Amino acid sequence: MNAVQNSMKNEGRKEDERCTEAKPALTLRQVICLVAIGGTKLLNGMMSGWPAVLPKMQEDQSRFTVTDEDVAWIISLMFIMGFVVSPLAGFVAEHVGPRRLLVIAMFPVSGFWLLQAFSPYLWLLYLGRGLLASTATVTFTIVQPLVVELCPLRIRGLASVLPELFHCIGLLASYLLASLLSWDMATAISAAPFLPLSLMVLLVPEVTSLSLMFIMGFVVSPLAGFVAEHVGPRRLLVIAMFPVSGFWLLQAFSPYLWLLYLGRGLLASTATVTFTIVQPLVVELCPLRIRGLASVLPELFHCIGLLASYLLASLLSWDMATAISAAPFLPLSLMVLLVPEVRLVRLGSWRTSYKFA
């Protein structure tokens, strides 16, 4: 145990000394790269908020008729494609490089939005939605490792929050466009930011590493949705959250390196479960009048968690910072017991869910 702790402390001290000795200025290219990588998460936010146009789409029958069953499938495509594409994205990124995969995925995004907006047939709208959902899954899988690899050490905590802020901006922008414009104009305007973003991504250098958290995400993400559908998302969340404090303490005080790997893997699996089922739970449980704002709440907590981790890491030793990270999860686990069970995902009331005053 002492050997593992001393080794990690020595590595941390050397890294701190390197950072203290030389703090290179943040270059313009680094700023552009961080904005480009973080900005790709705008797609995830806009995809989550785009179903707000569906009531207007059903009212407009000039091109095709959209039934309630069509609406259910259109909304579900985001999650369905996520289960299929997420494991493949990690495999492909490992072989061709995450930056190259991001370039390939982002360049046709504007065209996919326009395909949705002006498709003369319903099956083309399905195709555009499915392709956008696949691209959004790719960005979710590889953006955070790229940010961590490319940004300078001293601003890594702040830079890691940037993609989540773009996600929130995209979500709110979609609701705003849907409330002000017709469904096809709102969809077409959604294409605007992605052409310059695609060009900016070309400036991003290639990296090759992926972390254990994302490896576990590839494995667990498809299983989490299947299990939540059978046992209930709230029950799965309770089962996943209760041992989280213990996993953090296992990481903090593990006498062997393999136990630290085990704790990290278990935490990564739990994080994947929460990502998969939290947003549907929020949409199901919150009042209609605050549903748009409530959908942003998980992303804000994500940002707070990132900043808190970097603050603890800068002030405390690695084991104390890891142990203190366990503190909020025991009361959170108890609070989750108060959440009622819902079926994942109830789509029958979609019309009222996205109705604007």
Protein backbone atom coordinates (compact mmCIF):
# COMPACT_ATOMS: atom_id res chain seq x y z
CA MET A 1 0.00 0.00 0.00
CA ASN A 2 2.82 2.41 0.96
CA ALA A 3 4.63 1.67 -2.27
CA VAL A 4 1.54 2.50 -4.37
CA GLN A 5 0.85 5.72 -2.43
CA ASN A 6 4.50 6.86 -2.54
CA SER A 7 4.68 6.17 -6.27
CA MET A 8 1.53 8.19 -6.98
CA LYS A 9 2.64 11.05 -4.71
CA ASN A 10 6.03 11.21 -6.46
CA GLU A 11 4.38 11.28 -9.89
CA GLY A 12 1.99 14.03 -8.76
CA ARG A 13 4.86 16.05 -7.27
CA LYS A 14 6.90 15.79 -10.47
CA GLU A 15 3.90 16.88 -12.55
CA ASP A 16 3.30 19.86 -10.23
CA GLU A 17 6.97 20.83 -10.48
CA ARG A 18 6.88 20.67 -14.27
CA CYS A 19 3.74 22.80 -14.28
CA THR A 20 5.31 25.33 -11.88
CA GLU A 21 8.60 25.55 -13.74
CA ALA A 22 7.07 26.33 -17.12
CA LYS A 23 3.64 27.73 -17.82
CA PRO A 24 3.50 28.27 -21.56
CA ALA A 25 1.09 30.86 -22.85
CA LEU A 26 -2.21 29.63 -24.22
CA THR A 27 -1.92 29.93 -27.99
CA LEU A 28 -4.65 31.03 -30.37
CA ARG A 29 -4.69 27.57 -31.94
CA GLN A 30 -5.26 25.95 -28.54
CA VAL A 31 -8.20 28.30 -27.89
CA ILE A 32 -9.70 27.50 -31.30
CA CYS A 33 -9.20 23.76 -30.72
CA LEU A 34 -10.91 23.86 -27.32
CA VAL A 35 -13.84 25.87 -28.67
CA ALA A 36 -14.15 23.55 -31.68
CA ILE A 37 -14.09 20.36 -29.61
CA GLY A 38 -16.41 21.72 -26.92
CA GLY A 39 -18.71 23.22 -29.55
CA THR A 40 -19.42 19.80 -31.04
CA LYS A 41 -21.50 19.04 -27.92
CA LEU A 42 -23.87 21.75 -29.18
CA LEU A 43 -25.21 18.96 -31.41
CA ASN A 44 -26.13 16.79 -28.40
CA GLY A 45 -28.05 19.65 -26.80
CA MET A 46 -29.89 20.60 -29.98
CA MET A 47 -30.77 16.96 -30.67
CA SER A 48 -32.27 16.64 -27.18
CA GLY A 49 -34.34 19.81 -27.63
CA TRP A 50 -35.38 19.32 -31.27
CA PRO A 51 -38.52 17.21 -30.47
CA ALA A 52 -40.12 20.47 -29.34
CA VAL A 53 -40.96 21.09 -33.03
CA LEU A 54 -42.97 17.88 -33.37
CA PRO A 55 -46.43 19.32 -32.54
CA LYS A 56 -45.98 21.90 -35.31
CA MET A 57 -44.75 19.16 -37.65
CA GLN A 58 -47.90 17.12 -37.12
CA GLU A 59 -50.11 20.15 -37.77
CA ASP A 60 -48.31 20.80 -41.08
CA GLN A 61 -49.51 18.09 -43.50
CA SER A 62 -48.36 19.79 -46.69
CA ARG A 63 -45.62 17.22 -47.36
CA PHE A 64 -46.42 14.11 -45.31
CA THR A 65 -48.53 12.99 -42.37
CA VAL A 66 -46.86 12.35 -39.02
CA THR A 67 -48.76 9.97 -36.73
CA ASP A 68 -48.36 9.49 -32.99
CA GLU A 69 -46.43 6.30 -33.69
CA ASP A 70 -44.04 8.20 -35.96
CA VAL A 71 -43.46 10.75 -33.21
CA ALA A 72 -42.62 7.99 -30.73
CA TRP A 73 -40.03 6.52 -33.10
CA ILE A 74 -38.55 9.90 -34.02
CA ILE A 75 -37.99 10.77 -30.36
CA SER A 76 -36.63 7.31 -29.55
CA LEU A 77 -34.09 7.29 -32.40
CA MET A 78 -31.64 9.32 -30.29
CA PHE A 79 -31.49 6.58 -27.66
CA ILE A 80 -31.71 3.65 -30.09
CA MET A 81 -28.77 4.86 -32.17
CA GLY A 82 -26.82 5.60 -29.01
CA PHE A 83 -26.97 1.95 -27.95
CA VAL A 84 -25.83 0.82 -31.41
CA VAL A 85 -23.17 3.43 -32.23
CA SER A 86 -21.51 4.01 -28.84
CA PRO A 87 -19.56 0.70 -28.71
CA LEU A 88 -18.58 1.08 -32.37
CA ALA A 89 -17.38 4.67 -31.90
CA GLY A 90 -14.82 3.66 -29.29
CA PHE A 91 -13.54 0.80 -31.43
CA VAL A 92 -13.19 2.99 -34.53
CA ALA A 93 -11.59 5.88 -32.56
CA GLU A 94 -9.00 3.46 -31.21
CA HIS A 95 -8.00 2.43 -34.75
CA VAL A 96 -8.34 5.63 -36.83
CA GLY A 97 -7.85 8.23 -34.08
CA PRO A 98 -10.54 10.23 -32.21
CA ARG A 99 -9.82 13.51 -34.01
CA ARG A 100 -10.07 11.89 -37.44
CA LEU A 101 -13.34 10.22 -36.46
CA LEU A 102 -14.69 13.55 -35.17
CA VAL A 103 -13.85 15.25 -38.48
CA ILE A 104 -15.58 12.52 -40.47
CA ALA A 105 -18.65 12.67 -38.21
CA MET A 106 -19.02 16.46 -38.07
CA PHE A 107 -18.63 17.49 -41.71
CA PRO A 108 -22.02 16.20 -42.96
CA VAL A 109 -23.97 17.43 -39.89
CA SER A 110 -25.30 20.60 -41.56
CA GLY A 111 -26.54 18.49 -44.47
CA PHE A 112 -28.33 16.11 -42.08
CA TRP A 113 -30.20 19.04 -40.49
CA LEU A 114 -31.22 20.34 -43.93
CA LEU A 115 -32.31 16.82 -44.93
CA GLN A 116 -34.63 16.82 -41.91
CA ALA A 117 -35.93 20.31 -42.65
CA PHE A 118 -36.73 19.92 -46.35
CA SER A 119 -37.26 16.17 -46.85
CA PRO A 120 -40.21 15.54 -49.19
CA TYR A 121 -40.80 12.08 -47.68
CA LEU A 122 -41.14 10.90 -44.09
CA TRP A 123 -38.53 8.16 -44.49
CA LEU A 124 -35.94 10.80 -45.39
CA LEU A 125 -36.74 12.65 -42.16
CA TYR A 126 -36.18 9.38 -40.28
CA LEU A 127 -32.87 8.97 -42.10
CA GLY A 128 -31.70 12.50 -41.22
CA ARG A 129 -32.69 12.06 -37.56
CA GLY A 130 -30.90 8.70 -37.35
CA LEU A 131 -27.72 10.07 -38.90
CA LEU A 132 -27.72 13.06 -36.53
CA ALA A 133 -28.28 10.74 -33.55
CA SER A 134 -25.29 8.64 -34.64
CA THR A 135 -23.09 11.73 -34.90
CA ALA A 136 -24.24 12.96 -31.48
CA THR A 137 -23.25 9.59 -29.99
CA VAL A 138 -19.79 9.87 -31.54
CA THR A 139 -19.25 13.34 -30.07
CA PHE A 140 -20.41 12.20 -26.62
CA THR A 141 -17.97 9.28 -26.74
CA ILE A 142 -14.76 11.05 -27.77
CA VAL A 143 -15.03 14.77 -26.94
CA GLN A 144 -14.02 14.66 -23.25
CA PRO A 145 -10.84 12.57 -23.84
CA LEU A 146 -9.84 15.03 -26.59
CA VAL A 147 -10.34 18.03 -24.29
CA VAL A 148 -8.28 16.44 -21.50
CA GLU A 149 -5.47 15.48 -23.89
CA LEU A 150 -5.20 18.79 -25.71
CA CYS A 151 -5.67 21.53 -23.13
CA PRO A 152 -2.86 22.84 -20.89
CA LEU A 153 -2.70 21.28 -17.42
CA ARG A 154 -3.45 24.51 -15.52
CA ILE A 155 -6.83 25.04 -17.25
CA ARG A 156 -7.85 21.40 -17.63
CA GLY A 157 -10.63 21.67 -15.03
CA LEU A 158 -12.24 24.70 -16.66
CA ALA A 159 -11.79 23.27 -20.17
CA SER A 160 -13.53 20.02 -19.20
CA VAL A 161 -16.68 21.99 -18.35
CA LEU A 162 -16.78 23.66 -21.78
CA PRO A 163 -18.51 20.79 -23.68
CA GLU A 164 -21.27 20.60 -21.05
CA LEU A 165 -21.88 24.35 -21.30
CA PHE A 166 -22.28 24.01 -25.07
CA HIS A 167 -24.70 21.13 -24.46
CA CYS A 168 -26.85 23.39 -22.26
CA ILE A 169 -26.71 26.21 -24.83
CA GLY A 170 -27.81 23.83 -27.60
CA LEU A 171 -30.73 22.53 -25.53
CA LEU A 172 -32.03 26.01 -24.74
CA ALA A 173 -31.47 27.21 -28.33
CA SER A 174 -33.62 24.37 -29.67
CA TYR A 175 -36.53 25.25 -27.39
CA LEU A 176 -36.23 28.93 -28.36
CA LEU A 177 -36.22 28.17 -32.11
CA ALA A 178 -39.16 25.79 -31.75
CA SER A 179 -41.23 28.41 -29.93
CA LEU A 180 -40.55 31.20 -32.46
CA LEU A 181 -40.44 29.52 -35.89
CA SER A 182 -42.16 26.87 -37.98
CA TRP A 183 -40.77 23.35 -37.58
CA ASP A 184 -38.90 23.32 -40.91
CA MET A 185 -37.33 26.78 -40.43
CA ALA A 186 -36.28 25.93 -36.86
CA THR A 187 -34.68 22.71 -38.14
CA ALA A 188 -32.94 24.43 -41.05
CA ILE A 189 -31.49 27.19 -38.85
CA SER A 190 -30.15 24.49 -36.52
CA ALA A 191 -27.69 23.61 -39.31
CA ALA A 192 -26.02 27.04 -39.22
CA PRO A 193 -23.32 26.60 -36.53
CA PHE A 194 -22.05 23.23 -37.68
CA LEU A 195 -20.33 24.18 -40.95
CA PRO A 196 -17.86 26.58 -39.25
CA LEU A 197 -17.45 24.10 -36.40
CA SER A 198 -16.53 21.37 -38.89
CA LEU A 199 -13.83 23.59 -40.39
CA MET A 200 -12.48 24.49 -36.92
CA VAL A 201 -12.17 20.79 -36.03
CA LEU A 202 -9.57 20.44 -38.83
CA LEU A 203 -7.17 22.45 -36.64
CA VAL A 204 -7.35 19.92 -33.81
CA PRO A 205 -4.27 17.66 -33.57
CA GLU A 206 -4.65 13.89 -33.29
CA VAL A 207 -4.43 11.99 -29.99
CA THR A 208 -4.71 8.27 -29.36
CA SER A 209 -5.65 7.64 -25.70
CA LEU A 210 -9.05 6.69 -24.27
CA SER A 211 -9.71 6.37 -20.53
CA LEU A 212 -11.16 3.50 -18.54
CA MET A 213 -14.34 5.51 -17.95
CA PHE A 214 -15.14 5.61 -21.66
CA ILE A 215 -14.12 1.98 -22.20
CA MET A 216 -16.65 0.94 -19.54
CA GLY A 217 -19.20 3.25 -21.16
CA PHE A 218 -18.96 1.30 -24.41
CA VAL A 219 -19.72 -1.93 -22.53
CA VAL A 220 -22.37 -0.78 -20.04
CA SER A 221 -24.38 1.77 -22.05
CA PRO A 222 -26.30 -0.74 -24.23
CA LEU A 223 -27.04 -2.92 -21.17
CA ALA A 224 -28.30 -0.05 -18.98
CA GLY A 225 -31.25 0.81 -21.23
CA PHE A 226 -32.27 -2.85 -21.52
CA VAL A 227 -32.17 -3.41 -17.74
CA ALA A 228 -33.97 -0.11 -17.00
CA GLU A 229 -36.80 -1.15 -19.30
CA HIS A 230 -37.32 -4.40 -17.38
CA VAL A 231 -36.69 -3.44 -13.73
CA GLY A 232 -37.62 0.27 -13.96
CA PRO A 233 -35.22 3.24 -14.28
CA ARG A 234 -35.69 4.44 -10.68
CA ARG A 235 -34.98 0.98 -9.25
CA LEU A 236 -31.85 0.66 -11.41
CA LEU A 237 -30.71 4.12 -10.29
CA VAL A 238 -31.11 3.15 -6.61
CA ILE A 239 -29.13 -0.09 -7.13
CA ALA A 240 -26.37 1.78 -8.99
CA MET A 241 -26.07 4.75 -6.60
CA PHE A 242 -25.98 3.09 -3.16
CA PRO A 243 -22.46 1.56 -3.43
CA VAL A 244 -20.91 4.66 -5.05
CA SER A 245 -19.41 6.02 -1.80
CA GLY A 246 -17.78 2.63 -1.22
CA PHE A 247 -16.30 2.63 -4.73
CA TRP A 248 -14.67 6.02 -4.06
CA LEU A 249 -13.23 4.79 -0.76
CA LEU A 250 -11.97 1.65 -2.50
CA GLN A 251 -10.05 3.88 -4.92
CA ALA A 252 -8.73 6.06 -2.11
CA PHE A 253 -7.43 3.37 0.23
CA SER A 254 -6.80 0.38 -2.03
CA PRO A 255 -3.59 -1.44 -0.97
CA TYR A 256 -3.09 -2.84 -4.49
CA LEU A 257 -3.16 -1.21 -7.89
CA TRP A 258 -5.63 -3.76 -9.29
CA LEU A 259 -8.15 -2.73 -6.60
CA LEU A 260 -7.81 0.89 -7.71
CA TYR A 261 -8.57 -0.26 -11.27
CA LEU A 262 -11.58 -2.17 -9.98
CA GLY A 263 -12.95 0.86 -8.08
CA ARG A 264 -12.49 3.08 -11.12
CA GLY A 265 -14.22 0.56 -13.38
CA LEU A 266 -17.20 0.22 -11.04
CA LEU A 267 -17.56 4.01 -10.78
CA ALA A 268 -17.36 4.30 -14.57
CA SER A 269 -20.14 1.73 -14.93
CA THR A 270 -22.35 3.63 -12.47
CA ALA A 271 -21.69 6.91 -14.30
CA THR A 272 -22.79 5.27 -17.56
CA VAL A 273 -26.03 4.09 -15.94
CA THR A 274 -26.83 7.60 -14.70
CA PHE A 275 -26.13 9.12 -18.11
CA THR A 276 -28.46 6.62 -19.77
CA ILE A 277 -31.51 7.02 -17.54
CA VAL A 278 -31.34 10.41 -15.76
CA GLN A 279 -32.63 12.62 -18.58
CA PRO A 280 -35.72 10.48 -19.29
CA LEU A 281 -36.48 10.46 -15.55
CA VAL A 282 -36.19 14.26 -15.36
CA VAL A 283 -38.54 14.72 -18.31
CA GLU A 284 -41.08 12.27 -16.86
CA LEU A 285 -41.12 13.64 -13.33
CA CYS A 286 -40.84 17.43 -13.57
CA PRO A 287 -43.85 19.74 -14.09
CA LEU A 288 -44.57 20.70 -17.69
CA ARG A 289 -43.99 24.44 -17.20
CA ILE A 290 -40.34 23.94 -16.13
CA ARG A 291 -39.45 20.92 -18.26
CA GLY A 292 -37.05 22.81 -20.55
CA LEU A 293 -35.15 24.34 -17.61
CA ALA A 294 -35.15 21.07 -15.65
CA SER A 295 -33.53 19.22 -18.57
CA VAL A 296 -30.47 21.44 -18.14
CA LEU A 297 -30.12 20.63 -14.42
CA PRO A 298 -28.19 17.33 -14.82
CA GLU A 299 -25.66 19.08 -17.07
CA LEU A 300 -25.16 21.84 -14.49
CA PHE A 301 -24.47 19.25 -11.80
CA HIS A 302 -22.03 17.61 -14.23
CA CYS A 303 -20.16 20.93 -14.49
CA ILE A 304 -20.15 21.37 -10.69
CA GLY A 305 -18.74 17.86 -10.27
CA LEU A 306 -15.93 18.51 -12.74
CA LEU A 307 -14.90 21.76 -11.05
CA ALA A 308 -15.13 20.22 -7.56
CA SER A 309 -12.85 17.34 -8.60
CA TYR A 310 -10.16 19.66 -9.91
CA LEU A 311 -10.42 21.90 -6.83
CA LEU A 312 -9.97 18.92 -4.49
CA ALA A 313 -7.06 17.62 -6.59
CA SER A 314 -5.29 20.99 -6.38
CA LEU A 315 -5.71 21.37 -2.58
CA LEU A 316 -5.32 17.84 -1.17
CA SER A 317 -3.29 14.67 -1.59
CA TRP A 318 -4.65 12.20 -4.15
CA ASP A 319 -6.03 9.77 -1.55
CA MET A 320 -7.75 12.47 0.56
CA ALA A 321 -9.21 14.11 -2.54
CA THR A 322 -10.56 10.74 -3.68
CA ALA A 323 -11.97 9.88 -0.24
CA ILE A 324 -13.73 13.25 0.15
CA SER A 325 -15.31 12.70 -3.29
CA ALA A 326 -17.39 9.96 -1.64
CA ALA A 327 -19.10 12.42 0.73
CA PRO A 328 -22.08 13.67 -1.35
CA PHE A 329 -23.18 10.28 -2.65
CA LEU A 330 -24.53 8.71 0.54
CA PRO A 331 -27.17 11.45 1.08
CA LEU A 332 -27.85 11.45 -2.68
CA SER A 333 -28.48 7.71 -2.57
CA LEU A 334 -31.02 8.20 0.23
CA MET A 335 -32.73 11.03 -1.66
CA VAL A 336 -33.13 8.79 -4.74
CA LEU A 337 -35.38 6.53 -2.62
CA LEU A 338 -37.98 9.34 -2.67
CA VAL A 339 -38.18 9.27 -6.50
CA PRO A 340 -41.30 7.47 -7.82
CA GLU A 341 -40.96 4.77 -10.43
CA VAL A 342 -41.82 5.55 -14.08
CA ARG A 343 -41.81 3.59 -17.30
CA LEU A 344 -38.98 4.51 -19.65
CA VAL A 345 -39.98 6.45 -21.77
CA ARG A 346 -43.65 7.47 -21.71
CA LEU A 347 -44.39 9.01 -25.13
CA GLY A 348 -48.19 9.03 -25.11
CA SER A 349 -48.38 12.58 -23.81
CA TRP A 350 -45.80 13.99 -26.22
CA ARG A 351 -48.21 16.59 -27.58
CA THR A 352 -48.73 18.31 -24.24
CA SER A 353 -45.07 17.75 -23.32
CA TYR A 354 -43.92 20.14 -26.03
CA LYS A 355 -46.85 22.50 -26.21
CA PHE A 356 -45.95 26.18 -25.98
CA ALA A 357 -48.12 28.77 -24.35
